[in-house]
Amino acid sequence: MATADALPFADGGFDAAISSFVFQLVPRRARALREARRVLRPGGTLAYVSWLEDDRVFLPDEIFDDVLDDLGIGARLGDGRSGDLPSVERAAGELRHAGFAEVTARRGEVVHPFTVDGYVAFLTEFDEETLFAELEPDLRGRVVATLRERLSRLTPGQLTIRFPIVFAVGNRSRRR
């Protein structure tokens, strides 16, 4: 196992590196970007996508927290830090600062229409898998049933997540 800022690979060993929604999670993004550059060959490319800071709240997430709170579990707590990028310009600047050239960055948006079943599966099988695994079976069943009932009141638009993202690309200079 390795961390993003200490990869167990030789210098220049890769033609390309791709990251999808990881760089916002690493505690030392600047070091991780420099490490990605180190393992790329001269002319190699790093491309990544990450969340942009945003104050929008996804209504199904609020409903889930309310269900947890109403059943005495307590709403989920954030980790106290956001690694989301504040702007597209910041994403490009961080790549340049890490030594990348030919940097481009552009804004995009994740738009995903959930169904009630799809959102519940997302929570139970991925996003909050640990929380659900730790609940007693009876309580887990009550959480899921209550969540399904409340989510079924939402319109398709309210079940569609829309959050801003950034696509960033940089190349390791061909100069050594």
Protein backbone atom coordinates (compact mmCIF):
# COMPACT_ATOMS: atom_id res chain seq x y z
CA MET A 1 0.00 0.00 0.00
CA ALA A 2 1.18 3.53 -0.74
CA THR A 3 0.10 7.07 -0.17
CA ALA A 4 -0.41 9.57 -2.97
CA ASP A 5 2.59 11.60 -1.85
CA ALA A 6 5.01 8.63 -1.63
CA LEU A 7 4.41 6.35 -4.60
CA PRO A 8 6.50 3.15 -4.78
CA PHE A 9 7.46 3.64 -8.43
CA ALA A 10 10.63 4.65 -10.21
CA ASP A 11 11.07 8.11 -11.63
CA GLY A 12 9.65 8.46 -15.13
CA GLY A 13 8.04 5.04 -15.21
CA PHE A 14 4.63 6.01 -16.63
CA ASP A 15 3.33 7.64 -19.78
CA ALA A 16 0.15 8.86 -18.11
CA ALA A 17 -1.61 9.07 -14.78
CA ILE A 18 -5.35 9.52 -14.26
CA SER A 19 -7.15 10.41 -11.04
CA SER A 20 -10.87 10.54 -10.50
CA PHE A 21 -12.06 12.30 -7.34
CA VAL A 22 -8.95 11.49 -5.29
CA PHE A 23 -6.84 14.66 -5.08
CA GLN A 24 -9.48 16.38 -2.92
CA LEU A 25 -9.03 13.58 -0.37
CA VAL A 26 -5.26 13.61 0.08
CA PRO A 27 -4.00 15.67 3.03
CA ARG A 28 -1.01 17.06 1.09
CA ARG A 29 -2.26 17.66 -2.45
CA ALA A 30 0.78 19.72 -3.49
CA ARG A 31 3.11 16.86 -2.57
CA ALA A 32 0.84 14.32 -4.28
CA LEU A 33 0.86 16.36 -7.50
CA ARG A 34 4.66 16.60 -7.40
CA GLU A 35 4.83 12.85 -6.81
CA ALA A 36 2.58 12.20 -9.80
CA ARG A 37 4.90 14.38 -11.89
CA ARG A 38 7.94 12.45 -10.63
CA VAL A 39 6.63 9.08 -11.79
CA LEU A 40 5.72 10.38 -15.25
CA ARG A 41 8.21 10.19 -18.07
CA PRO A 42 9.19 13.50 -19.70
CA GLY A 43 6.21 14.42 -21.88
CA GLY A 44 3.89 12.24 -19.77
CA THR A 45 0.42 13.49 -18.86
CA LEU A 46 -1.53 13.75 -15.62
CA ALA A 47 -5.29 14.17 -16.00
CA TYR A 48 -7.65 14.42 -13.08
CA VAL A 49 -11.17 15.36 -12.11
CA SER A 50 -12.10 16.69 -8.70
CA TRP A 51 -14.91 18.48 -6.90
CA LEU A 52 -15.12 22.25 -6.86
CA GLU A 53 -16.20 23.96 -3.66
CA ASP A 54 -19.92 24.59 -3.64
CA ASP A 55 -22.52 25.38 -1.03
CA ARG A 56 -25.33 23.42 -2.64
CA VAL A 57 -26.84 20.64 -0.60
CA PHE A 58 -28.32 17.50 -2.13
CA LEU A 59 -31.80 17.09 -0.65
CA PRO A 60 -31.59 13.26 -0.40
CA ASP A 61 -28.44 13.69 1.73
CA GLU A 62 -30.34 16.02 4.08
CA ILE A 63 -33.19 13.51 4.26
CA PHE A 64 -30.74 10.71 5.08
CA ASP A 65 -29.22 12.78 7.90
CA ASP A 66 -32.72 13.55 9.22
CA VAL A 67 -33.61 9.83 9.20
CA LEU A 68 -30.45 9.00 11.13
CA ASP A 69 -31.17 11.75 13.61
CA ASP A 70 -34.86 10.80 13.99
CA LEU A 71 -33.94 7.17 14.72
CA GLY A 72 -31.43 8.16 17.39
CA ILE A 73 -28.30 7.37 15.40
CA GLY A 74 -27.31 10.99 14.87
CA ALA A 75 -26.66 12.78 11.62
CA ARG A 76 -23.36 12.16 9.87
CA LEU A 77 -20.57 14.51 10.84
CA GLY A 78 -18.22 15.98 8.30
CA ASP A 79 -14.52 15.34 8.60
CA GLY A 80 -13.92 19.03 9.31
CA ARG A 81 -11.98 19.73 6.17
CA SER A 82 -12.79 20.19 2.55
CA GLY A 83 -10.19 19.35 -0.02
CA ASP A 84 -12.50 20.50 -2.79
CA LEU A 85 -10.82 23.03 -5.03
CA PRO A 86 -11.97 26.63 -4.68
CA SER A 87 -11.71 27.37 -8.41
CA VAL A 88 -10.66 26.14 -11.83
CA GLU A 89 -7.82 28.66 -11.72
CA ARG A 90 -6.56 27.15 -8.47
CA ALA A 91 -6.50 23.67 -10.03
CA ALA A 92 -4.41 24.97 -12.93
CA GLY A 93 -2.14 26.92 -10.59
CA GLU A 94 -1.49 23.91 -8.39
CA LEU A 95 -0.45 21.85 -11.41
CA ARG A 96 1.90 24.60 -12.60
CA HIS A 97 3.35 24.96 -9.09
CA ALA A 98 3.98 21.18 -9.05
CA GLY A 99 6.07 21.57 -12.21
CA PHE A 100 3.56 20.67 -14.92
CA ALA A 101 3.51 22.45 -18.28
CA GLU A 102 0.84 22.86 -20.95
CA VAL A 103 -1.73 22.99 -18.17
CA THR A 104 -5.42 23.24 -18.91
CA ALA A 105 -8.35 23.21 -16.53
CA ARG A 106 -12.04 23.60 -17.16
CA ARG A 107 -15.23 23.55 -15.18
CA GLY A 108 -17.80 20.80 -15.57
CA GLU A 109 -20.75 19.40 -13.67
CA VAL A 110 -21.69 15.98 -12.40
CA VAL A 111 -25.37 15.40 -13.13
CA HIS A 112 -26.73 12.06 -12.02
CA PRO A 113 -30.42 11.22 -11.75
CA PHE A 114 -30.87 8.81 -8.86
CA THR A 115 -33.90 6.64 -8.31
CA VAL A 116 -34.95 5.90 -4.74
CA ASP A 117 -33.48 2.39 -5.05
CA GLY A 118 -30.33 3.73 -6.68
CA TYR A 119 -29.71 6.27 -3.95
CA VAL A 120 -30.32 3.73 -1.18
CA ALA A 121 -27.92 1.31 -2.91
CA PHE A 122 -25.33 4.08 -3.25
CA LEU A 123 -25.49 4.72 0.49
CA THR A 124 -25.63 1.12 1.69
CA GLU A 125 -23.09 -0.35 -0.73
CA PHE A 126 -20.62 2.50 -1.14
CA ASP A 127 -20.87 5.94 0.47
CA GLU A 128 -22.00 4.84 3.95
CA GLU A 129 -21.23 1.12 3.72
CA THR A 130 -19.41 1.11 7.07
CA LEU A 131 -22.22 2.90 8.88
CA PHE A 132 -24.79 0.40 7.58
CA ALA A 133 -22.54 -2.59 8.37
CA GLU A 134 -22.26 -1.43 11.99
CA LEU A 135 -26.03 -1.08 12.54
CA GLU A 136 -27.99 -3.91 14.10
CA PRO A 137 -30.09 -5.63 11.39
CA ASP A 138 -33.41 -4.40 12.82
CA LEU A 139 -32.22 -0.80 13.01
CA ARG A 140 -30.65 -1.02 9.56
CA GLY A 141 -34.00 -2.20 8.20
CA ARG A 142 -35.81 0.72 9.88
CA VAL A 143 -33.31 3.23 8.47
CA VAL A 144 -33.72 1.87 4.95
CA ALA A 145 -37.53 1.67 5.16
CA THR A 146 -37.85 5.19 6.57
CA LEU A 147 -35.40 6.56 4.03
CA ARG A 148 -37.25 4.91 1.12
CA GLU A 149 -40.58 6.28 2.36
CA ARG A 150 -39.25 9.85 2.63
CA LEU A 151 -37.32 9.74 -0.64
CA SER A 152 -40.42 8.49 -2.48
CA ARG A 153 -41.97 11.96 -1.92
CA LEU A 154 -39.28 13.64 -4.02
CA THR A 155 -39.58 14.61 -7.67
CA PRO A 156 -37.07 13.27 -10.21
CA GLY A 157 -35.42 16.70 -10.23
CA GLN A 158 -34.92 16.57 -6.47
CA LEU A 159 -33.33 13.13 -6.85
CA THR A 160 -30.83 14.44 -9.41
CA ILE A 161 -27.45 15.41 -8.05
CA ARG A 162 -25.77 18.42 -9.68
CA PHE A 163 -22.37 19.45 -8.41
CA PRO A 164 -19.49 21.38 -10.03
CA ILE A 165 -16.24 19.65 -10.91
CA VAL A 166 -12.93 20.58 -12.47
CA PHE A 167 -11.07 18.67 -15.19
CA ALA A 168 -7.34 19.43 -15.05
CA VAL A 169 -4.51 18.23 -17.29
CA GLY A 170 -0.78 18.88 -17.24
CA ASN A 171 2.27 17.45 -18.92
CA ARG A 172 5.66 16.77 -17.43
CA SER A 173 8.11 18.96 -19.24
CA ARG A 174 10.33 17.12 -21.73
CA ARG A 175 13.28 18.92 -20.16
CA ARG A 176 14.87 16.97 -17.34
